[in-house]
């Protein structure tokens, strides 16, 4: 799976929780939670969506590493087989 496919899956997981998010408006290097109004429960649901889409367990200790879209894509890409 390449970075573009991972990014598309990440955006889809976000849109599952926040359908009003326009993928074209997201900036890869900007903190995601600054761009999308997600409370703590919504963010947890997004992370669960990553697990469901990619089959990767994300430990709570790694949540801080998932700040930007680039961070998330790199993190997931490094954990995919």
PDB file of N, CA and C in Angstrom:
ATOM      1  N   UNK A   1       0.851  -1.168   0.000  1.00  0.00           N
ATOM      2  CA  UNK A   1       0.000   0.000   0.000  1.00  0.00           C
ATOM      3  C   UNK A   1       0.901   1.237   0.000  1.00  0.00           C
ATOM      4  N   UNK A   2       0.641   2.159  -0.926  1.00  0.00           N
ATOM      5  CA  UNK A   2       1.482   3.352  -0.998  1.00  0.00           C
ATOM      6  C   UNK A   2       0.902   4.490  -0.150  1.00  0.00           C
ATOM      7  N   UNK A   3       1.670   5.572  -0.064  1.00  0.00           N
ATOM      8  CA  UNK A   3       1.286   6.688   0.805  1.00  0.00           C
ATOM      9  C   UNK A   3      -0.048   7.314   0.378  1.00  0.00           C
ATOM     10  N   UNK A   4      -0.308   7.401  -0.922  1.00  0.00           N
ATOM     11  CA  UNK A   4      -1.576   7.978  -1.381  1.00  0.00           C
ATOM     12  C   UNK A   4      -2.765   7.114  -0.976  1.00  0.00           C
ATOM     13  N   UNK A   5      -2.601   5.807  -1.033  1.00  0.00           N
ATOM     14  CA  UNK A   5      -3.675   4.897  -0.617  1.00  0.00           C
ATOM     15  C   UNK A   5      -3.902   4.986   0.884  1.00  0.00           C
ATOM     16  N   UNK A   6      -2.828   5.071   1.636  1.00  0.00           N
ATOM     17  CA  UNK A   6      -2.952   5.215   3.095  1.00  0.00           C
ATOM     18  C   UNK A   6      -3.651   6.532   3.416  1.00  0.00           C
ATOM     19  N   UNK A   7      -3.230   7.619   2.766  1.00  0.00           N
ATOM     20  CA  UNK A   7      -3.846   8.924   3.014  1.00  0.00           C
ATOM     21  C   UNK A   7      -5.335   8.874   2.697  1.00  0.00           C
ATOM     22  N   UNK A   8      -5.707   8.242   1.599  1.00  0.00           N
ATOM     23  CA  UNK A   8      -7.125   8.138   1.236  1.00  0.00           C
ATOM     24  C   UNK A   8      -7.898   7.378   2.311  1.00  0.00           C
ATOM     25  N   UNK A   9      -7.315   6.308   2.858  1.00  0.00           N
ATOM     26  CA  UNK A   9      -7.962   5.557   3.934  1.00  0.00           C
ATOM     27  C   UNK A   9      -8.079   6.361   5.207  1.00  0.00           C
ATOM     28  N   UNK A  10      -7.060   7.160   5.505  1.00  0.00           N
ATOM     29  CA  UNK A  10      -7.075   8.023   6.690  1.00  0.00           C
ATOM     30  C   UNK A  10      -8.189   9.062   6.552  1.00  0.00           C
ATOM     31  N   UNK A  11      -8.255   9.705   5.399  1.00  0.00           N
ATOM     32  CA  UNK A  11      -9.291  10.717   5.173  1.00  0.00           C
ATOM     33  C   UNK A  11     -10.677  10.083   5.249  1.00  0.00           C
ATOM     34  N   UNK A  12     -10.823   8.882   4.693  1.00  0.00           N
ATOM     35  CA  UNK A  12     -12.118   8.192   4.752  1.00  0.00           C
ATOM     36  C   UNK A  12     -12.510   7.895   6.198  1.00  0.00           C
ATOM     37  N   UNK A  13     -11.544   7.493   7.020  1.00  0.00           N
ATOM     38  CA  UNK A  13     -11.837   7.225   8.432  1.00  0.00           C
ATOM     39  C   UNK A  13     -12.266   8.505   9.145  1.00  0.00           C
ATOM     40  N   UNK A  14     -11.634   9.607   8.802  1.00  0.00           N
ATOM     41  CA  UNK A  14     -12.011  10.894   9.390  1.00  0.00           C
ATOM     42  C   UNK A  14     -13.420  11.271   8.950  1.00  0.00           C
ATOM     43  N   UNK A  15     -13.711  11.094   7.666  1.00  0.00           N
ATOM     44  CA  UNK A  15     -15.028  11.462   7.140  1.00  0.00           C
ATOM     45  C   UNK A  15     -16.131  10.549   7.670  1.00  0.00           C
ATOM     46  N   UNK A  16     -15.796   9.333   8.074  1.00  0.00           N
ATOM     47  CA  UNK A  16     -16.789   8.467   8.710  1.00  0.00           C
ATOM     48  C   UNK A  16     -17.294   9.096  10.010  1.00  0.00           C
ATOM     49  N   UNK A  17     -16.399   9.773  10.719  1.00  0.00           N
ATOM     50  CA  UNK A  17     -16.736  10.406  11.993  1.00  0.00           C
ATOM     51  C   UNK A  17     -17.223  11.840  11.782  1.00  0.00           C
ATOM     52  N   UNK A  18     -16.618  12.527  10.832  1.00  0.00           N
ATOM     53  CA  UNK A  18     -16.953  13.934  10.556  1.00  0.00           C
ATOM     54  C   UNK A  18     -17.214  14.085   9.053  1.00  0.00           C
ATOM     55  N   UNK A  19     -18.408  13.703   8.595  1.00  0.00           N
ATOM     56  CA  UNK A  19     -18.692  13.695   7.157  1.00  0.00           C
ATOM     57  C   UNK A  19     -18.613  15.072   6.488  1.00  0.00           C
ATOM     58  N   UNK A  20     -18.627  16.128   7.278  1.00  0.00           N
ATOM     59  CA  UNK A  20     -18.559  17.469   6.711  1.00  0.00           C
ATOM     60  C   UNK A  20     -17.152  17.858   6.266  1.00  0.00           C
ATOM     61  N   UNK A  21     -16.145  17.052   6.609  1.00  0.00           N
ATOM     62  CA  UNK A  21     -14.761  17.347   6.260  1.00  0.00           C
ATOM     63  C   UNK A  21     -14.563  17.172   4.752  1.00  0.00           C
ATOM     64  N   UNK A  22     -13.986  18.208   4.135  1.00  0.00           N
ATOM     65  CA  UNK A  22     -13.659  18.169   2.713  1.00  0.00           C
ATOM     66  C   UNK A  22     -12.184  17.802   2.588  1.00  0.00           C
ATOM     67  N   UNK A  23     -11.907  16.660   1.966  1.00  0.00           N
ATOM     68  CA  UNK A  23     -10.539  16.171   1.844  1.00  0.00           C
ATOM     69  C   UNK A  23      -9.631  17.190   1.162  1.00  0.00           C
ATOM     70  N   UNK A  24     -10.182  17.968   0.232  1.00  0.00           N
ATOM     71  CA  UNK A  24      -9.389  18.959  -0.476  1.00  0.00           C
ATOM     72  C   UNK A  24      -8.947  20.119   0.390  1.00  0.00           C
ATOM     73  N   UNK A  25      -9.588  20.310   1.520  1.00  0.00           N
ATOM     74  CA  UNK A  25      -9.239  21.405   2.423  1.00  0.00           C
ATOM     75  C   UNK A  25      -8.170  21.024   3.440  1.00  0.00           C
ATOM     76  N   UNK A  26      -7.868  19.742   3.555  1.00  0.00           N
ATOM     77  CA  UNK A  26      -6.907  19.290   4.559  1.00  0.00           C
ATOM     78  C   UNK A  26      -5.479  19.552   4.098  1.00  0.00           C
ATOM     79  N   UNK A  27      -4.679  20.113   5.010  1.00  0.00           N
ATOM     80  CA  UNK A  27      -3.267  20.407   4.753  1.00  0.00           C
ATOM     81  C   UNK A  27      -2.446  19.342   5.468  1.00  0.00           C
ATOM     82  N   UNK A  28      -1.605  18.644   4.709  1.00  0.00           N
ATOM     83  CA  UNK A  28      -0.874  17.494   5.242  1.00  0.00           C
ATOM     84  C   UNK A  28       0.037  17.818   6.419  1.00  0.00           C
ATOM     85  N   UNK A  29       0.610  19.021   6.451  1.00  0.00           N
ATOM     86  CA  UNK A  29       1.589  19.360   7.479  1.00  0.00           C
ATOM     87  C   UNK A  29       0.986  20.086   8.678  1.00  0.00           C
ATOM     88  N   UNK A  30      -0.267  20.427   8.618  1.00  0.00           N
ATOM     89  CA  UNK A  30      -0.907  21.177   9.703  1.00  0.00           C
ATOM     90  C   UNK A  30      -1.560  20.207  10.688  1.00  0.00           C
ATOM     91  N   UNK A  31      -1.483  20.482  11.991  1.00  0.00           N
ATOM     92  CA  UNK A  31      -2.110  19.584  12.965  1.00  0.00           C
ATOM     93  C   UNK A  31      -3.579  19.310  12.606  1.00  0.00           C
ATOM     94  N   UNK A  32      -3.898  18.053  12.540  1.00  0.00           N
ATOM     95  CA  UNK A  32      -5.221  17.623  12.086  1.00  0.00           C
ATOM     96  C   UNK A  32      -6.336  18.134  12.980  1.00  0.00           C
ATOM     97  N   UNK A  33      -6.126  18.086  14.267  1.00  0.00           N
ATOM     98  CA  UNK A  33      -7.197  18.505  15.182  1.00  0.00           C
ATOM     99  C   UNK A  33      -7.415  20.008  15.148  1.00  0.00           C
ATOM    100  N   UNK A  34      -6.469  20.780  14.592  1.00  0.00           N
ATOM    101  CA  UNK A  34      -6.683  22.212  14.373  1.00  0.00           C
ATOM    102  C   UNK A  34      -7.556  22.441  13.139  1.00  0.00           C
ATOM    103  N   UNK A  35      -7.516  21.491  12.215  1.00  0.00           N
ATOM    104  CA  UNK A  35      -8.256  21.630  10.962  1.00  0.00           C
ATOM    105  C   UNK A  35      -9.669  21.068  11.043  1.00  0.00           C
ATOM    106  N   UNK A  36      -9.824  20.059  11.851  1.00  0.00           N
ATOM    107  CA  UNK A  36     -11.101  19.350  11.951  1.00  0.00           C
ATOM    108  C   UNK A  36     -11.557  19.424  13.406  1.00  0.00           C
ATOM    109  N   UNK A  37     -12.774  19.834  13.617  1.00  0.00           N
ATOM    110  CA  UNK A  37     -13.299  19.981  14.970  1.00  0.00           C
ATOM    111  C   UNK A  37     -13.690  18.610  15.519  1.00  0.00           C
ATOM    112  N   UNK A  38     -12.722  17.967  16.171  1.00  0.00           N
ATOM    113  CA  UNK A  38     -12.956  16.646  16.758  1.00  0.00           C
ATOM    114  C   UNK A  38     -12.746  16.719  18.256  1.00  0.00           C
ATOM    115  N   UNK A  39     -13.738  16.291  19.007  1.00  0.00           N
ATOM    116  CA  UNK A  39     -13.534  16.195  20.452  1.00  0.00           C
ATOM    117  C   UNK A  39     -12.806  14.882  20.739  1.00  0.00           C
ATOM    118  N   UNK A  40     -12.538  14.624  21.993  1.00  0.00           N
ATOM    119  CA  UNK A  40     -11.761  13.436  22.365  1.00  0.00           C
ATOM    120  C   UNK A  40     -12.425  12.141  21.931  1.00  0.00           C
ATOM    121  N   UNK A  41     -13.741  12.051  22.062  1.00  0.00           N
ATOM    122  CA  UNK A  41     -14.457  10.838  21.676  1.00  0.00           C
ATOM    123  C   UNK A  41     -14.417  10.657  20.152  1.00  0.00           C
ATOM    124  N   UNK A  42     -14.600  11.743  19.417  1.00  0.00           N
ATOM    125  CA  UNK A  42     -14.506  11.663  17.956  1.00  0.00           C
ATOM    126  C   UNK A  42     -13.119  11.212  17.529  1.00  0.00           C
ATOM    127  N   UNK A  43     -12.086  11.767  18.169  1.00  0.00           N
ATOM    128  CA  UNK A  43     -10.713  11.387  17.828  1.00  0.00           C
ATOM    129  C   UNK A  43     -10.488   9.902  18.103  1.00  0.00           C
ATOM    130  N   UNK A  44     -10.990   9.415  19.207  1.00  0.00           N
ATOM    131  CA  UNK A  44     -10.881   7.990  19.505  1.00  0.00           C
ATOM    132  C   UNK A  44     -11.586   7.163  18.425  1.00  0.00           C
ATOM    133  N   UNK A  45     -12.739   7.612  17.978  1.00  0.00           N
ATOM    134  CA  UNK A  45     -13.455   6.907  16.913  1.00  0.00           C
ATOM    135  C   UNK A  45     -12.679   6.924  15.599  1.00  0.00           C
ATOM    136  N   UNK A  46     -11.971   8.016  15.319  1.00  0.00           N
ATOM    137  CA  UNK A  46     -11.119   8.064  14.130  1.00  0.00           C
ATOM    138  C   UNK A  46     -10.004   7.035  14.251  1.00  0.00           C
ATOM    139  N   UNK A  47      -9.376   6.955  15.401  1.00  0.00           N
ATOM    140  CA  UNK A  47      -8.298   5.981  15.605  1.00  0.00           C
ATOM    141  C   UNK A  47      -8.829   4.559  15.480  1.00  0.00           C
ATOM    142  N   UNK A  48     -10.005   4.307  15.999  1.00  0.00           N
ATOM    143  CA  UNK A  48     -10.636   2.990  15.825  1.00  0.00           C
ATOM    144  C   UNK A  48     -10.861   2.725  14.336  1.00  0.00           C
ATOM    145  N   UNK A  49     -11.248   3.768  13.602  1.00  0.00           N
ATOM    146  CA  UNK A  49     -11.418   3.642  12.153  1.00  0.00           C
ATOM    147  C   UNK A  49     -10.117   3.266  11.457  1.00  0.00           C
ATOM    148  N   UNK A  50      -8.987   3.822  11.919  1.00  0.00           N
ATOM    149  CA  UNK A  50      -7.687   3.432  11.356  1.00  0.00           C
ATOM    150  C   UNK A  50      -7.453   1.945  11.583  1.00  0.00           C
ATOM    151  N   UNK A  51      -7.749   1.493  12.794  1.00  0.00           N
ATOM    152  CA  UNK A  51      -7.577   0.067  13.114  1.00  0.00           C
ATOM    153  C   UNK A  51      -8.436  -0.795  12.201  1.00  0.00           C
ATOM    154  N   UNK A  52      -9.683  -0.406  12.020  1.00  0.00           N
ATOM    155  CA  UNK A  52     -10.595  -1.196  11.202  1.00  0.00           C
ATOM    156  C   UNK A  52     -10.179  -1.201   9.737  1.00  0.00           C
ATOM    157  N   UNK A  53      -9.717  -0.080   9.220  1.00  0.00           N
ATOM    158  CA  UNK A  53      -9.337   0.015   7.803  1.00  0.00           C
ATOM    159  C   UNK A  53      -7.998  -0.655   7.507  1.00  0.00           C
ATOM    160  N   UNK A  54      -7.064  -0.520   8.432  1.00  0.00           N
ATOM    161  CA  UNK A  54      -5.702  -0.974   8.154  1.00  0.00           C
ATOM    162  C   UNK A  54      -5.292  -2.218   8.940  1.00  0.00           C
ATOM    163  N   UNK A  55      -6.111  -2.631   9.914  1.00  0.00           N
ATOM    164  CA  UNK A  55      -5.798  -3.816  10.701  1.00  0.00           C
ATOM    165  C   UNK A  55      -4.594  -3.638  11.606  1.00  0.00           C
ATOM    166  N   UNK A  56      -4.371  -2.419  12.049  1.00  0.00           N
ATOM    167  CA  UNK A  56      -3.207  -2.114  12.886  1.00  0.00           C
ATOM    168  C   UNK A  56      -3.686  -1.653  14.262  1.00  0.00           C
ATOM    169  N   UNK A  57      -3.151  -2.270  15.295  1.00  0.00           N
ATOM    170  CA  UNK A  57      -3.416  -1.810  16.656  1.00  0.00           C
ATOM    171  C   UNK A  57      -2.569  -0.570  16.921  1.00  0.00           C
ATOM    172  N   UNK A  58      -3.190   0.459  17.429  1.00  0.00           N
ATOM    173  CA  UNK A  58      -2.456   1.678  17.760  1.00  0.00           C
ATOM    174  C   UNK A  58      -2.538   1.858  19.271  1.00  0.00           C
ATOM    175  N   UNK A  59      -1.412   1.637  19.959  1.00  0.00           N
ATOM    176  CA  UNK A  59      -1.440   1.791  21.414  1.00  0.00           C
ATOM    177  C   UNK A  59      -1.655   3.252  21.808  1.00  0.00           C
ATOM    178  N   UNK A  60      -2.317   3.438  22.925  1.00  0.00           N
ATOM    179  CA  UNK A  60      -2.617   4.786  23.402  1.00  0.00           C
ATOM    180  C   UNK A  60      -1.353   5.629  23.548  1.00  0.00           C
ATOM    181  N   UNK A  61      -0.250   5.000  23.866  1.00  0.00           N
ATOM    182  CA  UNK A  61       1.008   5.728  24.022  1.00  0.00           C
ATOM    183  C   UNK A  61       1.491   6.343  22.705  1.00  0.00           C
ATOM    184  N   UNK A  62       0.981   5.866  21.576  1.00  0.00           N
ATOM    185  CA  UNK A  62       1.373   6.391  20.262  1.00  0.00           C
ATOM    186  C   UNK A  62       0.436   7.481  19.741  1.00  0.00           C
ATOM    187  N   UNK A  63      -0.646   7.753  20.415  1.00  0.00           N
ATOM    188  CA  UNK A  63      -1.621   8.738  19.923  1.00  0.00           C
ATOM    189  C   UNK A  63      -0.974  10.095  19.666  1.00  0.00           C
ATOM    190  N   UNK A  64      -0.032  10.501  20.491  1.00  0.00           N
ATOM    191  CA  UNK A  64       0.619  11.802  20.329  1.00  0.00           C
ATOM    192  C   UNK A  64       1.438  11.879  19.044  1.00  0.00           C
ATOM    193  N   UNK A  65       1.784  10.743  18.482  1.00  0.00           N
ATOM    194  CA  UNK A  65       2.559  10.705  17.245  1.00  0.00           C
ATOM    195  C   UNK A  65       1.685  10.926  16.013  1.00  0.00           C
ATOM    196  N   UNK A  66       0.378  11.017  16.204  1.00  0.00           N
ATOM    197  CA  UNK A  66      -0.566  11.118  15.097  1.00  0.00           C
ATOM    198  C   UNK A  66      -1.104  12.542  14.965  1.00  0.00           C
ATOM    199  N   UNK A  67      -0.217  13.510  14.851  1.00  0.00           N
ATOM    200  CA  UNK A  67      -0.626  14.907  14.857  1.00  0.00           C
ATOM    201  C   UNK A  67      -1.123  15.433  13.521  1.00  0.00           C
ATOM    202  N   UNK A  68      -0.366  15.194  12.467  1.00  0.00           N
ATOM    203  CA  UNK A  68      -0.720  15.696  11.141  1.00  0.00           C
ATOM    204  C   UNK A  68      -1.060  14.530  10.220  1.00  0.00           C
ATOM    205  N   UNK A  69      -1.616  14.838   9.071  1.00  0.00           N
ATOM    206  CA  UNK A  69      -1.871  13.771   8.095  1.00  0.00           C
ATOM    207  C   UNK A  69      -0.563  13.087   7.706  1.00  0.00           C
ATOM    208  N   UNK A  70       0.492  13.871   7.517  1.00  0.00           N
ATOM    209  CA  UNK A  70       1.791  13.274   7.189  1.00  0.00           C
ATOM    210  C   UNK A  70       2.260  12.332   8.291  1.00  0.00           C
ATOM    211  N   UNK A  71       2.087  12.747   9.550  1.00  0.00           N
ATOM    212  CA  UNK A  71       2.484  11.896  10.684  1.00  0.00           C
ATOM    213  C   UNK A  71       1.709  10.578  10.664  1.00  0.00           C
ATOM    214  N   UNK A  72       0.414  10.678  10.427  1.00  0.00           N
ATOM    215  CA  UNK A  72      -0.442   9.485  10.443  1.00  0.00           C
ATOM    216  C   UNK A  72      -0.074   8.544   9.306  1.00  0.00           C
ATOM    217  N   UNK A  73       0.112   9.101   8.114  1.00  0.00           N
ATOM    218  CA  UNK A  73       0.468   8.272   6.953  1.00  0.00           C
ATOM    219  C   UNK A  73       1.809   7.579   7.197  1.00  0.00           C
ATOM    220  N   UNK A  74       2.784   8.312   7.711  1.00  0.00           N
ATOM    221  CA  UNK A  74       4.096   7.721   7.995  1.00  0.00           C
ATOM    222  C   UNK A  74       3.992   6.643   9.069  1.00  0.00           C
ATOM    223  N   UNK A  75       3.241   6.919  10.122  1.00  0.00           N
ATOM    224  CA  UNK A  75       3.082   5.953  11.212  1.00  0.00           C
ATOM    225  C   UNK A  75       2.434   4.668  10.701  1.00  0.00           C
ATOM    226  N   UNK A  76       1.311   4.807   9.998  1.00  0.00           N
ATOM    227  CA  UNK A  76       0.620   3.622   9.493  1.00  0.00           C
ATOM    228  C   UNK A  76       1.466   2.897   8.454  1.00  0.00           C
ATOM    229  N   UNK A  77       2.108   3.659   7.572  1.00  0.00           N
ATOM    230  CA  UNK A  77       2.944   3.042   6.540  1.00  0.00           C
ATOM    231  C   UNK A  77       4.080   2.231   7.125  1.00  0.00           C
ATOM    232  N   UNK A  78       4.621   2.699   8.245  1.00  0.00           N
ATOM    233  CA  UNK A  78       5.703   1.969   8.918  1.00  0.00           C
ATOM    234  C   UNK A  78       5.238   0.736   9.657  1.00  0.00           C
ATOM    235  N   UNK A  79       3.938   0.602   9.859  1.00  0.00           N
ATOM    236  CA  UNK A  79       3.405  -0.545  10.602  1.00  0.00           C
ATOM    237  C   UNK A  79       2.691  -1.544   9.701  1.00  0.00           C
ATOM    238  N   UNK A  80       2.443  -1.171   8.459  1.00  0.00           N
ATOM    239  CA  UNK A  80       1.762  -2.096   7.540  1.00  0.00           C
ATOM    240  C   UNK A  80       2.747  -3.144   7.062  1.00  0.00           C
ATOM    241  N   UNK A  81       2.271  -4.371   6.871  1.00  0.00           N
ATOM    242  CA  UNK A  81       3.176  -5.419   6.376  1.00  0.00           C
ATOM    243  C   UNK A  81       3.616  -5.162   4.948  1.00  0.00           C
TER     244      UNK A  81
END
